[in-house]
Structure formats: structure tokens, C-alpha cells
Amino acid sequence: MKKTIILLLFITFQNVCNAQNILAENKNENHRDGEEYVLLSPTGKVIKSFKGIKIYEDSNYDGENFGRKSTEDLICGLDKKTNKMGYLSKVTGNWVVEPQFENAPYIHEFFDGLAIIENRFAVGNDKFAVIDKTGKIIVPFCDWTIYDYSDGLAIVEKEGYQFGAIDQAGKLVIPFSVGRLYDFNDGLAIKNNNSEFVDEYSDNTGLWGFIDKTGKMVISQEWSWAEPFFEDLAAVKNKDGKYGFIDKSGKLVIGCTYQEVQNFSEGFAVVSLPANKDGFFDKTFIDKTGYQATQKHFNEALDFKEGMAAVAKIEDFGGDNEMYSFGFVDKNFNLVIPFQNNKTTAGAYYKRYFTFYEGLCPTPKGFINKKGKLVISFGPNSASEIQPFENGRTIVKLYDKKTNTYRSKLIDKTGKILWQSVPNSVQ
């Protein structure tokens, strides 16, 4: 019995360590030797160099929100010799699902132990299948569009803007019906009644509600827009274009009075106030009762993460000299990290920064701690790509203006460089 326990502990420890292996770009496609990715251990040791293989990175860090990310230790790769796609182990770097899939126009990661495979038989004729982690085809190639699994089900679409859902065996458990159906999350999925595609900014978005995993409409289609549930509340928009929040019974618990809202995070949601004298919508925070948790207003505010939320003052908004001054508030809405100027580009580019992960927050200058101290500096370099810390490690891609090159660097939370790529030209 004791040996069994020790063995189990060893296996668990090994899996934890293996799960921390990191994929990094060593040479970009413009490099004279060709593109090359490497698989690194947490200490920066090169486990495997991928040559002759096109690696498709995990792209769920979307630059604005750190969205749904596959937890499976598999990497999608294309064997350039055979032009066939398979999946590599993030533990060993070896093929787990041998390259066998041709003409894959889009790449899908594994979710719930399953991945979607697409095959382009001709222009306008893409067929979809489902495989397990051994490469076995669970659902044969078919004319349905199959979306990634979420909460044990995959949304499927067929001609006529009809949507349903299949289980992990490929059985159609929610019959097809007209109207967009989004991923299941915590047992519920958003369902629309439109007969063609619409988005949030359309003049006629149709009406939205929620179904359960039996296909039953549990929250009626009465909203002009709806978001998934976060912390048991979902943002909805009424016919007048104002947002509020419902609970899982469909009850409107926070009235539709806001021009814009963000999802709840750590008990608070960012909402937009009525337009100020300059015509801009300032932001503040509400709690789950709808109570305005602070009388302070901000030009911009981001979600709470690890007890901190970034807030901003904006100068020359929309102008050539637009300047964001970011600081951080705690849950008492005290400004615990003072405002600092950080010029940013237009749009939501700044949202890749200013969120704490594992006690550190990326900024254009480097990583700060919760006291606002710059503990990891990028020096004269600028970050062209940056990811949050995970398991005490992160990859940053730093641009050197003097040489007009960049390097990918694996660093720990002290700023120590554990590995760095060769110099790469700007793509």
C-alpha cells in the first residue's frame, strides 16, 4: 500500500511538472534557417526543437481578455514534409496523434479530451469531424459545422442557420432549430431567435434567452443581447439598448440602466455612467445588489483580479496625443498604486496590460508588484508580445530598437532570464 501511495504521489508530481512545460518561438519565419519552435522545461532547458514542423500556438490569449484556454498537454503541428496535421505532446515533444489530417483550413485545440478536425475538400466544402486524444475519430467527417467542446457539449450548425448540440459520443442531444446557439457554460447556453447572423451592434439583434442541456428554454428570449453567466449573473440588454443583470432563474436583479457593462469579477462589475459634459461615458463599479460601490468615477476601468482593478485617466481622448494614466484601486476603491502615464495606441491595445496574475502585473515598462514597484524592467526594450505569469514563468517578446530585432525570453518572477531565443528580424 505504501509503495502504491508513493507511486501515485510521484505520478502526480511528474504530471504537475510536465504541465508546466512551455512552448516558445526561437526563430521566426523570416529567419535564414526557417521557423523553429522549442519546448522548454520550467528551468529553461530545451526538451525538444521542432524543425520541419509548423507549430500552431495556443492563441486563446486574445490580447484583450485572457479567454478560454485548453488545459490539455497537446500541441497542434503540421509536418511540412507530408503536409499533414497531428498533435504533439507538451511533455515529450513527440507525436501523440500522428500527422494524418490533410487540408486543415483552421486549427482546433483539445477541450474536454476532444478536438475538432476540419477538412477542406474544395473551396466552400469544409467537412468536420471529432477525434479523441489517441487520434481515433469519434464523429466521422460530416457537413455540419462543429464548434469546440465546452461543458461536455459541442454546438453544431447546419444549413439554414440551424443549431443544435452533440455530446462527447457524437449523439445529437439538442435537436436543430433556427437561431444562433453559443457554448454551454455552467449548464446554460445563450440562444437567439434570428434566422440569420446578427451581432450586438446590428439594428435588429433579435431576441436572446438561455437553454439548458436538454434544450429546454429556461430563460425566455426577451433580451436584445445577452452575455454568459459570470459569478451567477449574466449581462443582458433591453429593447431600449440599456444593460442590466439577470440571475439563473431569469429574474432581473440589477435594472437595465447602463449604457455599457462588463461581466462580474470578484464580486464587482464595471459599468458606464451617463455621458459627462464632454460627451464621454465615465466608469464606476457596482456590487451584486446593483449598489454603486463607490462614488469615484474613472475614464476607464478594468475588471478586478487578485483584489486589484486598473483605472485610468485619459487626456486628449481620441486625439493624436491620447494619453492613458493608469493606476490601481483595491476593493475599498482606494488608489493604492498612483496614476502613471503610459501612452498607448488606439483601440483596446492597452488591455493586454494592467491585470495582476500571480502577484505581478505587466505594463509597457515591465512587471510591477502590488505596491506599484517596477520589479522586472524591460529596460530600453519594448514588449511586442507579453503573457501573464503562469506557474511562476512567462514568455515576453522584447524589441531592441538599436538592432531592429526582437527576442523571446522565458523569465521567472525575479526577472531572471531562463532562456532566450536567437535575434529575430521584425516580421
Protein backbone atom coordinates (compact mmCIF):
# COMPACT_ATOMS: atom_id res chain seq x y z
CA MET A 1 0.00 0.00 0.00
CA LYS A 2 2.80 2.40 0.92
CA LYS A 3 4.54 1.76 -2.42
CA THR A 4 1.29 2.47 -4.25
CA ILE A 5 0.88 5.80 -2.44
CA ILE A 6 4.48 6.77 -3.22
CA LEU A 7 3.96 5.83 -6.86
CA LEU A 8 0.77 7.86 -7.07
CA LEU A 9 2.49 10.84 -5.49
CA PHE A 10 5.37 10.53 -7.96
CA ILE A 11 2.99 10.35 -10.93
CA THR A 12 1.03 13.37 -9.68
CA PHE A 13 4.23 15.38 -9.15
CA GLN A 14 5.50 14.38 -12.58
CA ASN A 15 2.23 15.46 -14.21
CA VAL A 16 2.33 18.82 -12.44
CA CYS A 17 5.90 19.41 -13.57
CA ASN A 18 5.15 18.28 -17.13
CA ALA A 19 2.14 20.57 -17.31
CA GLN A 20 4.46 23.50 -16.78
CA ASN A 21 6.49 22.94 -19.95
CA ILE A 22 6.47 25.99 -22.19
CA LEU A 23 6.28 26.43 -25.94
CA ALA A 24 8.37 29.28 -27.34
CA GLU A 25 9.36 30.69 -30.71
CA ASN A 26 13.12 30.52 -31.27
CA LYS A 27 13.28 31.54 -34.95
CA ASN A 28 10.55 33.30 -36.88
CA GLU A 29 9.54 32.58 -40.46
CA ASN A 30 11.89 35.30 -41.75
CA HIS A 31 14.95 33.70 -40.17
CA ARG A 32 17.55 32.39 -42.62
CA ASP A 33 17.28 28.90 -41.10
CA GLY A 34 13.49 28.89 -41.22
CA GLU A 35 10.88 28.89 -38.49
CA GLU A 36 11.63 26.94 -35.31
CA TYR A 37 9.77 26.45 -32.04
CA VAL A 38 11.20 24.84 -28.93
CA LEU A 39 9.63 23.08 -25.96
CA LEU A 40 11.16 24.28 -22.69
CA SER A 41 11.19 22.90 -19.17
CA PRO A 42 10.31 25.29 -16.31
CA THR A 43 14.05 25.83 -15.80
CA GLY A 44 14.58 26.82 -19.44
CA LYS A 45 16.10 23.55 -20.65
CA VAL A 46 15.28 22.73 -24.26
CA ILE A 47 13.32 19.48 -24.28
CA LYS A 48 12.59 19.41 -27.99
CA SER A 49 13.36 21.54 -31.02
CA PHE A 50 10.67 21.42 -33.68
CA LYS A 51 12.28 21.54 -37.11
CA GLY A 52 10.29 20.83 -40.23
CA ILE A 53 7.11 21.21 -38.19
CA LYS A 54 4.78 24.20 -38.30
CA ILE A 55 3.59 24.78 -34.74
CA TYR A 56 0.24 26.36 -34.04
CA GLU A 57 0.45 28.24 -30.76
CA ASP A 58 -2.24 28.40 -28.13
CA SER A 59 -3.99 31.57 -29.25
CA ASN A 60 -6.63 31.94 -26.55
CA TYR A 61 -4.75 34.83 -25.01
CA ASP A 62 -6.55 37.25 -27.25
CA GLY A 63 -4.79 40.46 -26.22
CA GLU A 64 -7.88 41.89 -24.55
CA ASN A 65 -9.28 39.11 -22.42
CA PHE A 66 -7.44 36.05 -21.33
CA GLY A 67 -10.11 33.74 -22.63
CA ARG A 68 -10.80 30.03 -22.56
CA LYS A 69 -7.53 28.15 -22.74
CA SER A 70 -7.04 24.46 -23.38
CA THR A 71 -5.71 22.57 -20.36
CA GLU A 72 -4.72 19.55 -22.45
CA ASP A 73 -0.97 18.94 -22.88
CA LEU A 74 -1.18 18.68 -26.67
CA ILE A 75 0.24 20.96 -29.35
CA CYS A 76 -1.16 21.13 -32.87
CA GLY A 77 1.52 20.76 -35.52
CA LEU A 78 1.85 20.40 -39.29
CA ASP A 79 4.51 18.07 -40.71
CA LYS A 80 5.92 20.12 -43.59
CA LYS A 81 7.21 17.02 -45.41
CA THR A 82 3.82 15.34 -45.67
CA ASN A 83 1.70 18.48 -45.27
CA LYS A 84 -0.41 16.59 -42.74
CA MET A 85 -1.52 17.75 -39.33
CA GLY A 86 -1.32 15.97 -35.96
CA TYR A 87 -0.78 16.66 -32.27
CA LEU A 88 2.46 16.67 -30.27
CA SER A 89 2.92 16.02 -26.56
CA LYS A 90 3.70 19.09 -24.49
CA VAL A 91 5.51 16.70 -22.13
CA THR A 92 7.95 14.97 -24.50
CA GLY A 93 7.53 16.87 -27.77
CA ASN A 94 6.80 13.60 -29.60
CA TRP A 95 3.79 12.93 -31.79
CA VAL A 96 0.80 11.62 -29.85
CA VAL A 97 -1.61 11.86 -32.75
CA GLU A 98 0.46 11.10 -35.84
CA PRO A 99 0.23 13.60 -38.73
CA GLN A 100 -2.66 12.27 -40.77
CA PHE A 101 -5.15 15.08 -41.41
CA GLU A 102 -4.96 16.91 -44.73
CA ASN A 103 -6.18 20.30 -45.94
CA ALA A 104 -6.99 21.64 -42.48
CA PRO A 105 -8.05 25.27 -43.00
CA TYR A 106 -8.41 26.02 -39.29
CA ILE A 107 -6.74 24.62 -36.19
CA HIS A 108 -8.61 23.48 -33.10
CA GLU A 109 -7.24 22.68 -29.66
CA PHE A 110 -8.41 19.93 -27.34
CA PHE A 111 -11.24 20.66 -24.93
CA ASP A 112 -12.89 18.05 -22.71
CA GLY A 113 -10.45 15.50 -24.21
CA LEU A 114 -11.74 16.03 -27.76
CA ALA A 115 -10.69 18.15 -30.73
CA ILE A 116 -12.46 19.27 -33.89
CA ILE A 117 -10.82 18.42 -37.22
CA GLU A 118 -11.68 20.26 -40.42
CA ASN A 119 -11.00 19.04 -43.93
CA ARG A 120 -11.30 21.30 -46.97
CA PHE A 121 -12.36 19.03 -49.80
CA ALA A 122 -12.90 22.01 -52.12
CA VAL A 123 -13.48 25.74 -51.84
CA GLY A 124 -16.72 26.16 -49.93
CA ASN A 125 -16.82 22.49 -48.98
CA ASP A 126 -15.35 22.06 -45.49
CA LYS A 127 -16.27 18.96 -43.51
CA PHE A 128 -15.87 18.48 -39.77
CA ALA A 129 -15.02 15.52 -37.54
CA VAL A 130 -14.22 14.91 -33.87
CA ILE A 131 -11.18 12.98 -32.57
CA ASP A 132 -10.06 11.85 -29.13
CA LYS A 133 -6.54 12.15 -27.71
CA THR A 134 -5.42 8.94 -29.43
CA GLY A 135 -6.45 10.30 -32.83
CA LYS A 136 -9.48 8.00 -33.03
CA ILE A 137 -12.34 9.55 -35.00
CA ILE A 138 -15.36 9.80 -32.70
CA VAL A 139 -17.62 11.68 -35.12
CA PRO A 140 -16.93 10.97 -38.83
CA PHE A 141 -16.48 13.83 -41.30
CA CYS A 142 -19.85 15.45 -41.93
CA ASP A 143 -21.41 18.60 -43.41
CA TRP A 144 -22.24 20.08 -40.02
CA THR A 145 -20.04 22.84 -38.65
CA ILE A 146 -18.83 21.61 -35.26
CA TYR A 147 -17.61 24.10 -32.65
CA ASP A 148 -15.17 23.33 -29.81
CA TYR A 149 -16.48 21.37 -26.85
CA SER A 150 -17.47 23.29 -23.73
CA ASP A 151 -19.11 21.94 -20.59
CA GLY A 152 -19.32 18.47 -22.18
CA LEU A 153 -21.23 19.51 -25.32
CA ALA A 154 -20.28 20.85 -28.74
CA ILE A 155 -22.50 23.24 -30.67
CA VAL A 156 -23.26 22.10 -34.24
CA GLU A 157 -24.64 24.13 -37.14
CA LYS A 158 -26.21 23.11 -40.42
CA GLU A 159 -27.60 24.90 -43.47
CA GLY A 160 -30.46 27.30 -42.79
CA TYR A 161 -28.82 28.88 -39.71
CA GLN A 162 -29.94 25.93 -37.60
CA PHE A 163 -28.08 24.99 -34.41
CA GLY A 164 -28.05 22.04 -32.03
CA ALA A 165 -25.56 20.27 -29.75
CA ILE A 166 -23.82 16.89 -29.62
CA ASP A 167 -22.43 15.03 -26.61
CA GLN A 168 -18.96 13.51 -26.31
CA ALA A 169 -20.10 10.39 -28.16
CA GLY A 170 -21.31 12.49 -31.07
CA LYS A 171 -25.01 11.95 -30.31
CA LEU A 172 -27.30 14.86 -31.19
CA VAL A 173 -28.72 15.63 -27.74
CA ILE A 174 -30.22 19.04 -28.59
CA PRO A 175 -32.15 18.96 -31.91
CA PHE A 176 -31.53 21.54 -34.59
CA SER A 177 -33.60 24.73 -34.52
CA VAL A 178 -33.28 28.13 -36.16
CA GLY A 179 -31.26 30.71 -34.25
CA ARG A 180 -27.67 31.02 -33.02
CA LEU A 181 -26.63 28.86 -30.09
CA TYR A 182 -23.49 29.68 -28.12
CA ASP A 183 -21.23 27.48 -25.98
CA PHE A 184 -22.58 25.90 -22.83
CA ASN A 185 -21.19 27.35 -19.65
CA ASP A 186 -22.18 26.02 -16.22
CA GLY A 187 -25.11 24.12 -17.75
CA LEU A 188 -26.62 27.00 -19.75
CA ALA A 189 -26.19 28.36 -23.27
CA ILE A 190 -27.35 31.56 -24.95
CA LYS A 191 -29.95 31.02 -27.70
CA ASN A 192 -31.13 33.55 -30.33
CA ASN A 193 -34.33 33.50 -32.38
CA ASN A 194 -32.97 35.15 -35.54
CA SER A 195 -32.91 33.29 -38.84
CA GLU A 196 -29.60 34.84 -39.93
CA PHE A 197 -26.39 36.13 -38.35
CA VAL A 198 -26.58 39.28 -36.23
CA ASP A 199 -24.17 40.95 -33.83
CA GLU A 200 -24.52 43.23 -30.85
CA TYR A 201 -24.32 46.37 -32.99
CA SER A 202 -26.94 45.35 -35.53
CA ASP A 203 -30.13 47.40 -35.81
CA ASN A 204 -32.12 44.23 -35.18
CA THR A 205 -30.33 41.74 -32.94
CA GLY A 206 -33.35 39.51 -32.50
CA LEU A 207 -34.16 38.20 -29.04
CA TRP A 208 -31.94 36.18 -26.74
CA GLY A 209 -32.52 33.75 -23.89
CA PHE A 210 -30.91 30.66 -22.32
CA ILE A 211 -31.45 26.92 -22.73
CA ASP A 212 -30.32 24.05 -20.51
CA LYS A 213 -28.60 20.83 -21.62
CA THR A 214 -31.93 19.21 -22.53
CA GLY A 215 -32.67 22.03 -24.97
CA LYS A 216 -35.39 23.49 -22.74
CA MET A 217 -35.73 27.28 -22.81
CA VAL A 218 -35.19 28.12 -19.13
CA ILE A 219 -34.77 31.90 -19.54
CA SER A 220 -37.18 33.32 -22.11
CA GLN A 221 -36.00 35.05 -25.27
CA GLU A 222 -36.83 38.61 -24.30
CA TRP A 223 -33.44 40.34 -24.39
CA SER A 224 -31.82 42.27 -27.25
CA TRP A 225 -28.43 40.86 -26.24
CA ALA A 226 -27.09 38.52 -23.57
CA GLU A 227 -23.67 37.52 -22.22
CA PRO A 228 -22.69 34.24 -20.47
CA PHE A 229 -23.05 33.93 -16.72
CA PHE A 230 -20.17 35.06 -14.56
CA GLU A 231 -20.42 34.64 -10.81
CA ASP A 232 -24.09 33.58 -11.27
CA LEU A 233 -25.10 36.80 -13.05
CA ALA A 234 -25.40 37.50 -16.78
CA ALA A 235 -25.41 40.88 -18.51
CA VAL A 236 -28.49 41.50 -20.70
CA LYS A 237 -29.62 44.38 -22.89
CA ASN A 238 -33.23 45.52 -23.12
CA LYS A 239 -35.06 46.84 -26.18
CA ASP A 240 -34.03 50.41 -25.28
CA GLY A 241 -30.34 49.47 -25.55
CA LYS A 242 -29.61 49.63 -21.81
CA TYR A 243 -27.82 46.90 -19.84
CA GLY A 244 -28.57 45.18 -16.55
CA PHE A 245 -28.06 41.73 -15.00
CA ILE A 246 -30.23 38.63 -14.52
CA ASP A 247 -29.76 35.64 -12.22
CA LYS A 248 -30.06 31.99 -13.28
CA SER A 249 -33.82 31.99 -12.74
CA GLY A 250 -34.08 34.76 -15.33
CA LYS A 251 -35.01 37.39 -12.78
CA LEU A 252 -33.74 40.90 -13.49
CA VAL A 253 -31.80 41.61 -10.31
CA ILE A 254 -29.96 44.73 -11.49
CA GLY A 255 -32.10 47.02 -13.61
CA CYS A 256 -31.26 47.93 -17.20
CA THR A 257 -29.96 51.45 -16.66
CA TYR A 258 -26.42 51.29 -18.02
CA GLN A 259 -25.03 52.20 -21.44
CA GLU A 260 -22.27 49.57 -21.12
CA VAL A 261 -21.29 46.92 -18.57
CA GLN A 262 -18.53 44.41 -18.04
CA ASN A 263 -19.00 40.97 -16.52
CA PHE A 264 -18.77 40.43 -12.78
CA SER A 265 -15.35 39.57 -11.41
CA GLU A 266 -14.52 39.12 -7.73
CA GLY A 267 -17.91 40.50 -6.72
CA PHE A 268 -17.88 43.72 -8.75
CA ALA A 269 -18.75 44.81 -12.29
CA VAL A 270 -17.60 47.86 -14.23
CA VAL A 271 -20.50 49.96 -15.59
CA SER A 272 -20.71 53.10 -17.69
CA LEU A 273 -22.36 56.18 -16.21
CA PRO A 274 -24.45 58.69 -18.21
CA ALA A 275 -22.43 60.88 -20.57
CA ASN A 276 -20.45 63.65 -18.89
CA LYS A 277 -20.18 67.24 -20.10
CA ASP A 278 -17.59 66.21 -22.70
CA GLY A 279 -19.86 63.51 -24.09
CA PHE A 280 -17.82 60.60 -22.70
CA PHE A 281 -19.08 57.81 -20.50
CA ASP A 282 -17.17 57.56 -17.24
CA LYS A 283 -16.88 54.20 -15.47
CA THR A 284 -17.55 53.08 -11.92
CA PHE A 285 -18.18 49.81 -10.04
CA ILE A 286 -21.35 48.12 -8.79
CA ASP A 287 -21.76 45.14 -6.48
CA LYS A 288 -24.12 42.18 -6.98
CA THR A 289 -27.07 44.03 -5.49
CA GLY A 290 -26.65 46.79 -8.07
CA TYR A 291 -25.44 49.21 -5.44
CA GLN A 292 -22.87 51.68 -6.75
CA ALA A 293 -19.93 50.57 -4.66
CA THR A 294 -18.02 53.85 -4.95
CA GLN A 295 -18.80 57.45 -5.82
CA LYS A 296 -15.49 57.70 -7.67
CA HIS A 297 -15.61 57.97 -11.47
CA PHE A 298 -12.91 56.92 -13.92
CA ASN A 299 -12.35 57.47 -17.63
CA GLU A 300 -11.59 53.76 -17.93
CA ALA A 301 -11.73 50.81 -15.55
CA LEU A 302 -10.90 47.12 -15.89
CA ASP A 303 -12.08 44.03 -14.00
CA PHE A 304 -10.86 43.08 -10.55
CA LYS A 305 -8.20 40.40 -10.49
CA GLU A 306 -6.39 39.29 -7.35
CA GLY A 307 -8.11 42.08 -5.41
CA MET A 308 -6.91 44.89 -7.69
CA ALA A 309 -8.53 46.77 -10.57
CA ALA A 310 -6.84 49.08 -13.05
CA VAL A 311 -8.41 52.51 -13.52
CA ALA A 312 -7.37 55.29 -15.87
CA LYS A 313 -7.48 58.98 -16.63
CA ILE A 314 -7.38 59.83 -20.34
CA GLU A 315 -6.00 63.05 -21.79
CA ASP A 316 -6.77 64.19 -25.35
CA PHE A 317 -9.16 61.27 -25.78
CA GLY A 318 -9.30 60.23 -29.44
CA GLY A 319 -6.62 62.75 -30.39
CA ASP A 320 -3.09 62.33 -31.72
CA ASN A 321 -1.64 62.80 -28.23
CA GLU A 322 -4.03 60.48 -26.44
CA MET A 323 -2.52 59.53 -23.08
CA TYR A 324 -3.73 56.95 -20.58
CA SER A 325 -2.61 57.38 -16.98
CA PHE A 326 -3.19 54.08 -15.20
CA GLY A 327 -3.38 53.35 -11.51
CA PHE A 328 -4.91 50.61 -9.33
CA VAL A 329 -7.66 50.58 -6.73
CA ASP A 330 -8.28 47.95 -4.06
CA LYS A 331 -11.72 46.67 -3.07
CA ASN A 332 -12.24 49.69 -0.85
CA PHE A 333 -11.61 51.74 -4.01
CA ASN A 334 -8.58 53.40 -2.54
CA LEU A 335 -5.95 54.32 -5.12
CA VAL A 336 -3.19 52.03 -3.87
CA ILE A 337 -0.99 52.43 -6.95
CA PRO A 338 -0.86 56.04 -8.18
CA PHE A 339 -1.63 57.05 -11.75
CA GLN A 340 1.33 56.80 -14.12
CA ASN A 341 1.48 57.94 -17.73
CA ASN A 342 1.57 55.19 -20.33
CA LYS A 343 0.99 56.29 -23.89
CA THR A 344 -0.91 53.63 -25.80
CA THR A 345 -2.12 53.03 -29.31
CA ALA A 346 -5.75 53.31 -30.30
CA GLY A 347 -8.37 50.72 -29.52
CA ALA A 348 -8.16 48.10 -26.78
CA TYR A 349 -4.41 47.52 -27.10
CA TYR A 350 -3.81 48.60 -23.51
CA LYS A 351 -6.00 45.77 -22.21
CA ARG A 352 -3.16 43.32 -22.72
CA TYR A 353 -1.57 45.07 -19.74
CA PHE A 354 -2.76 46.17 -16.31
CA THR A 355 -4.08 42.92 -14.83
CA PHE A 356 -2.43 41.06 -11.97
CA TYR A 357 -1.53 37.39 -12.31
CA GLU A 358 0.38 35.62 -9.56
CA GLY A 359 1.04 38.94 -7.83
CA LEU A 360 2.61 40.66 -10.83
CA CYS A 361 1.14 42.92 -13.47
CA PRO A 362 2.51 43.55 -16.98
CA THR A 363 2.93 47.17 -18.08
CA PRO A 364 4.69 48.60 -21.15
CA LYS A 365 7.77 49.22 -18.95
CA GLY A 366 7.87 45.80 -17.27
CA PHE A 367 6.15 43.99 -14.40
CA ILE A 368 5.03 45.77 -11.25
CA ASN A 369 4.10 44.28 -7.87
CA LYS A 370 1.03 45.17 -5.82
CA LYS A 371 2.81 48.16 -4.32
CA GLY A 372 3.38 49.59 -7.79
CA LYS A 373 7.11 48.94 -7.72
CA LEU A 374 8.72 48.01 -11.04
CA VAL A 375 10.30 44.67 -10.08
CA ILE A 376 11.07 43.41 -13.61
CA SER A 377 12.18 46.10 -16.04
CA PHE A 378 12.26 45.80 -19.82
CA GLY A 379 14.95 48.49 -19.83
CA PRO A 380 15.39 50.28 -23.16
CA ASN A 381 13.49 47.48 -24.93
CA SER A 382 9.77 47.48 -25.63
CA ALA A 383 7.44 44.49 -25.38
CA SER A 384 5.91 43.42 -28.69
CA GLU A 385 4.17 40.45 -27.05
CA ILE A 386 3.61 39.67 -23.41
CA GLN A 387 1.77 36.97 -21.48
CA PRO A 388 0.78 36.84 -17.81
CA PHE A 389 2.73 34.74 -15.34
CA GLU A 390 1.62 31.14 -15.05
CA ASN A 391 3.25 28.68 -12.66
CA GLY A 392 5.91 31.30 -11.93
CA ARG A 393 7.05 31.69 -15.54
CA THR A 394 6.20 33.81 -18.55
CA ILE A 395 7.36 34.47 -22.10
CA VAL A 396 7.97 38.06 -23.19
CA LYS A 397 8.94 39.15 -26.66
CA LEU A 398 11.17 42.23 -26.43
CA TYR A 399 12.05 44.54 -29.31
CA ASP A 400 15.53 46.10 -29.48
CA LYS A 401 15.32 49.40 -31.36
CA LYS A 402 19.09 49.60 -31.88
CA THR A 403 19.36 46.32 -33.77
CA ASN A 404 15.77 46.29 -35.09
CA THR A 405 15.39 42.73 -33.79
CA TYR A 406 13.45 41.02 -31.05
CA ARG A 407 13.99 38.04 -28.78
CA SER A 408 11.57 35.79 -26.98
CA LYS A 409 12.62 35.37 -23.34
CA LEU A 410 11.50 32.94 -20.68
CA ILE A 411 11.73 34.66 -17.30
CA ASP A 412 10.83 33.80 -13.73
CA LYS A 413 9.23 36.11 -11.14
CA THR A 414 12.60 37.56 -10.13
CA GLY A 415 13.20 38.63 -13.74
CA LYS A 416 15.90 36.02 -14.26
CA ILE A 417 16.25 35.02 -17.91
CA LEU A 418 15.97 31.22 -18.04
CA TRP A 419 16.13 31.02 -21.83
CA GLN A 420 16.15 33.39 -24.77
CA SER A 421 15.72 32.96 -28.49
CA VAL A 422 18.13 33.92 -31.19
CA PRO A 423 17.73 37.50 -32.52
CA ASN A 424 14.84 37.66 -34.97
CA SER A 425 14.06 40.25 -37.60
CA VAL A 426 10.81 42.13 -37.39
CA GLN A 427 8.03 40.36 -39.22
